[in-house]
Amino acid sequence: MHDTTIITTSKVGQRLESMVDSDQVSYLMFGGSKIELVAKITIGRSPDNNIVIDNKLASRHHALIQKIKDAYFLKDENSTNGTFLNGRRIPSDKYVKLNPGDKITIGNSNLILS
């Protein structure tokens, strides 16, 4: 029995291999913890968020990360002090696409996408 897969042995498999996006975001690093990304993650100071940031600079419901199709997007939820992506403030209530290595800053807390 050969140790090959459809990817290496057929045109269909080769096409599927070329469609694989190896640069997809799959998790978030926050406070030394690895957080798996799901369809929707809420971030803020309130305990009802998926990620709670214990910082007075964070709004109760500060931002969210949402999966749309095959990509993840960051949205500021009209926070008081803003949400920063790689050092730049993102517009309130607009979705911004996330990429591996991006740094989200809320207050003095950083979340890194990997």
C-alpha atoms as a PDB file:
ATOM      1  CA  MET A   1       0.000   0.000   0.000  1.00  0.00           C
ATOM      2  CA  HIS A   2       1.374   3.404  -0.998  1.00  0.00           C
ATOM      3  CA  ASP A   3       1.521   6.226   1.514  1.00  0.00           C
ATOM      4  CA  THR A   4       0.044   8.898  -0.774  1.00  0.00           C
ATOM      5  CA  THR A   5      -2.996  11.097  -0.598  1.00  0.00           C
ATOM      6  CA  ILE A   6      -5.429  12.509  -3.106  1.00  0.00           C
ATOM      7  CA  ILE A   7      -3.488  15.767  -2.953  1.00  0.00           C
ATOM      8  CA  THR A   8      -0.361  14.279  -4.469  1.00  0.00           C
ATOM      9  CA  THR A   9      -1.986  11.849  -6.887  1.00  0.00           C
ATOM     10  CA  SER A  10      -4.790  13.654  -8.664  1.00  0.00           C
ATOM     11  CA  LYS A  11      -5.547  16.950 -10.346  1.00  0.00           C
ATOM     12  CA  VAL A  12      -8.501  17.464  -7.978  1.00  0.00           C
ATOM     13  CA  GLY A  13      -6.233  16.935  -4.989  1.00  0.00           C
ATOM     14  CA  GLN A  14      -3.628  19.310  -6.353  1.00  0.00           C
ATOM     15  CA  ARG A  15      -6.302  21.963  -6.852  1.00  0.00           C
ATOM     16  CA  LEU A  16      -7.529  21.490  -3.277  1.00  0.00           C
ATOM     17  CA  GLU A  17      -3.962  21.843  -2.005  1.00  0.00           C
ATOM     18  CA  SER A  18      -3.557  25.143  -3.870  1.00  0.00           C
ATOM     19  CA  MET A  19      -6.749  26.457  -2.249  1.00  0.00           C
ATOM     20  CA  VAL A  20      -5.546  25.814   1.307  1.00  0.00           C
ATOM     21  CA  ASP A  21      -4.821  29.082   3.101  1.00  0.00           C
ATOM     22  CA  SER A  22      -1.885  28.455   5.397  1.00  0.00           C
ATOM     23  CA  ASP A  23      -2.051  32.022   6.732  1.00  0.00           C
ATOM     24  CA  GLN A  24      -5.406  31.616   8.459  1.00  0.00           C
ATOM     25  CA  VAL A  25      -5.891  32.981  11.948  1.00  0.00           C
ATOM     26  CA  SER A  26      -6.749  30.172  14.360  1.00  0.00           C
ATOM     27  CA  TYR A  27      -6.226  31.460  17.892  1.00  0.00           C
ATOM     28  CA  LEU A  28      -5.661  34.521  20.056  1.00  0.00           C
ATOM     29  CA  MET A  29      -2.951  34.964  22.710  1.00  0.00           C
ATOM     30  CA  PHE A  30      -4.027  36.966  25.754  1.00  0.00           C
ATOM     31  CA  GLY A  31      -2.394  37.073  29.159  1.00  0.00           C
ATOM     32  CA  GLY A  32      -0.265  34.015  28.397  1.00  0.00           C
ATOM     33  CA  SER A  33      -3.343  31.984  27.415  1.00  0.00           C
ATOM     34  CA  LYS A  34      -4.192  30.566  24.015  1.00  0.00           C
ATOM     35  CA  ILE A  35      -7.851  31.258  23.122  1.00  0.00           C
ATOM     36  CA  GLU A  36      -9.383  29.317  20.237  1.00  0.00           C
ATOM     37  CA  LEU A  37     -11.304  31.505  17.827  1.00  0.00           C
ATOM     38  CA  VAL A  38     -14.987  30.712  17.367  1.00  0.00           C
ATOM     39  CA  ALA A  39     -17.719  32.327  15.267  1.00  0.00           C
ATOM     40  CA  LYS A  40     -18.069  35.323  17.609  1.00  0.00           C
ATOM     41  CA  ILE A  41     -15.953  36.507  20.560  1.00  0.00           C
ATOM     42  CA  THR A  42     -16.930  39.495  22.659  1.00  0.00           C
ATOM     43  CA  ILE A  43     -14.262  41.521  24.468  1.00  0.00           C
ATOM     44  CA  GLY A  44     -14.716  44.000  27.287  1.00  0.00           C
ATOM     45  CA  ARG A  45     -14.739  44.753  31.009  1.00  0.00           C
ATOM     46  CA  SER A  46     -18.132  43.180  31.771  1.00  0.00           C
ATOM     47  CA  PRO A  47     -18.051  39.567  33.056  1.00  0.00           C
ATOM     48  CA  ASP A  48     -20.563  38.492  30.375  1.00  0.00           C
ATOM     49  CA  ASN A  49     -17.879  38.855  27.642  1.00  0.00           C
ATOM     50  CA  ASN A  50     -15.958  35.880  26.247  1.00  0.00           C
ATOM     51  CA  ILE A  51     -12.692  37.717  26.991  1.00  0.00           C
ATOM     52  CA  VAL A  52     -12.807  39.905  30.098  1.00  0.00           C
ATOM     53  CA  ILE A  53     -10.292  42.745  30.291  1.00  0.00           C
ATOM     54  CA  ASP A  54      -9.971  43.980  33.869  1.00  0.00           C
ATOM     55  CA  ASN A  55      -8.946  47.508  32.989  1.00  0.00           C
ATOM     56  CA  LYS A  56     -10.771  50.811  33.469  1.00  0.00           C
ATOM     57  CA  LEU A  57      -9.724  51.879  29.960  1.00  0.00           C
ATOM     58  CA  ALA A  58     -11.834  49.052  28.499  1.00  0.00           C
ATOM     59  CA  SER A  59     -15.545  49.632  27.966  1.00  0.00           C
ATOM     60  CA  ARG A  60     -18.058  47.119  29.339  1.00  0.00           C
ATOM     61  CA  HIS A  61     -18.668  45.833  25.795  1.00  0.00           C
ATOM     62  CA  HIS A  62     -15.603  47.116  23.987  1.00  0.00           C
ATOM     63  CA  ALA A  63     -15.076  45.086  20.805  1.00  0.00           C
ATOM     64  CA  LEU A  64     -15.835  41.812  19.078  1.00  0.00           C
ATOM     65  CA  ILE A  65     -14.127  39.383  16.767  1.00  0.00           C
ATOM     66  CA  GLN A  66     -16.448  37.724  14.282  1.00  0.00           C
ATOM     67  CA  LYS A  67     -15.906  35.063  11.657  1.00  0.00           C
ATOM     68  CA  ILE A  68     -17.363  36.023   8.297  1.00  0.00           C
ATOM     69  CA  LYS A  69     -16.996  33.345   5.620  1.00  0.00           C
ATOM     70  CA  ASP A  70     -13.418  32.076   6.083  1.00  0.00           C
ATOM     71  CA  ALA A  71     -11.885  35.145   7.731  1.00  0.00           C
ATOM     72  CA  TYR A  72     -11.987  36.887  11.102  1.00  0.00           C
ATOM     73  CA  PHE A  73     -12.847  40.548  11.549  1.00  0.00           C
ATOM     74  CA  LEU A  74     -12.486  42.991  14.447  1.00  0.00           C
ATOM     75  CA  LYS A  75     -15.183  45.533  15.251  1.00  0.00           C
ATOM     76  CA  ASP A  76     -15.098  48.323  17.852  1.00  0.00           C
ATOM     77  CA  GLU A  77     -18.431  48.467  19.673  1.00  0.00           C
ATOM     78  CA  ASN A  78     -18.441  52.284  20.002  1.00  0.00           C
ATOM     79  CA  SER A  79     -16.037  52.085  22.948  1.00  0.00           C
ATOM     80  CA  THR A  80     -15.005  55.210  24.828  1.00  0.00           C
ATOM     81  CA  ASN A  81     -11.230  54.819  24.389  1.00  0.00           C
ATOM     82  CA  GLY A  82     -11.149  52.996  21.049  1.00  0.00           C
ATOM     83  CA  THR A  83      -9.715  49.733  19.772  1.00  0.00           C
ATOM     84  CA  PHE A  84      -6.287  49.660  18.152  1.00  0.00           C
ATOM     85  CA  LEU A  85      -5.031  47.233  15.525  1.00  0.00           C
ATOM     86  CA  ASN A  86      -1.250  47.227  15.077  1.00  0.00           C
ATOM     87  CA  GLY A  87      -1.043  50.639  16.757  1.00  0.00           C
ATOM     88  CA  ARG A  88      -3.763  52.325  14.679  1.00  0.00           C
ATOM     89  CA  ARG A  89      -7.209  53.148  15.960  1.00  0.00           C
ATOM     90  CA  ILE A  90      -9.920  51.356  13.994  1.00  0.00           C
ATOM     91  CA  PRO A  91     -13.140  53.171  13.053  1.00  0.00           C
ATOM     92  CA  SER A  92     -16.055  52.621  15.418  1.00  0.00           C
ATOM     93  CA  ASP A  93     -18.701  50.196  14.220  1.00  0.00           C
ATOM     94  CA  LYS A  94     -16.695  49.043  11.154  1.00  0.00           C
ATOM     95  CA  TYR A  95     -15.323  45.550  10.510  1.00  0.00           C
ATOM     96  CA  VAL A  96     -11.550  45.293   9.947  1.00  0.00           C
ATOM     97  CA  LYS A  97     -10.011  42.057   8.626  1.00  0.00           C
ATOM     98  CA  LEU A  98      -7.523  40.304  10.911  1.00  0.00           C
ATOM     99  CA  ASN A  99      -4.316  38.585   9.821  1.00  0.00           C
ATOM    100  CA  PRO A 100      -1.835  36.342  11.640  1.00  0.00           C
ATOM    101  CA  GLY A 101       0.507  38.355  13.840  1.00  0.00           C
ATOM    102  CA  ASP A 102      -1.905  41.287  14.248  1.00  0.00           C
ATOM    103  CA  LYS A 103      -1.861  42.985  17.640  1.00  0.00           C
ATOM    104  CA  ILE A 104      -5.164  44.213  19.100  1.00  0.00           C
ATOM    105  CA  THR A 105      -4.804  46.790  21.888  1.00  0.00           C
ATOM    106  CA  ILE A 106      -7.650  47.579  24.268  1.00  0.00           C
ATOM    107  CA  GLY A 107      -6.659  49.920  27.084  1.00  0.00           C
ATOM    108  CA  ASN A 108      -3.227  48.676  28.104  1.00  0.00           C
ATOM    109  CA  SER A 109      -3.982  45.037  27.190  1.00  0.00           C
ATOM    110  CA  ASN A 110      -2.676  43.361  24.040  1.00  0.00           C
ATOM    111  CA  LEU A 111      -4.151  40.386  22.200  1.00  0.00           C
ATOM    112  CA  ILE A 112      -2.022  38.729  19.506  1.00  0.00           C
ATOM    113  CA  LEU A 113      -3.467  36.700  16.617  1.00  0.00           C
ATOM    114  CA  SER A 114      -1.700  33.547  15.542  1.00  0.00           C
END
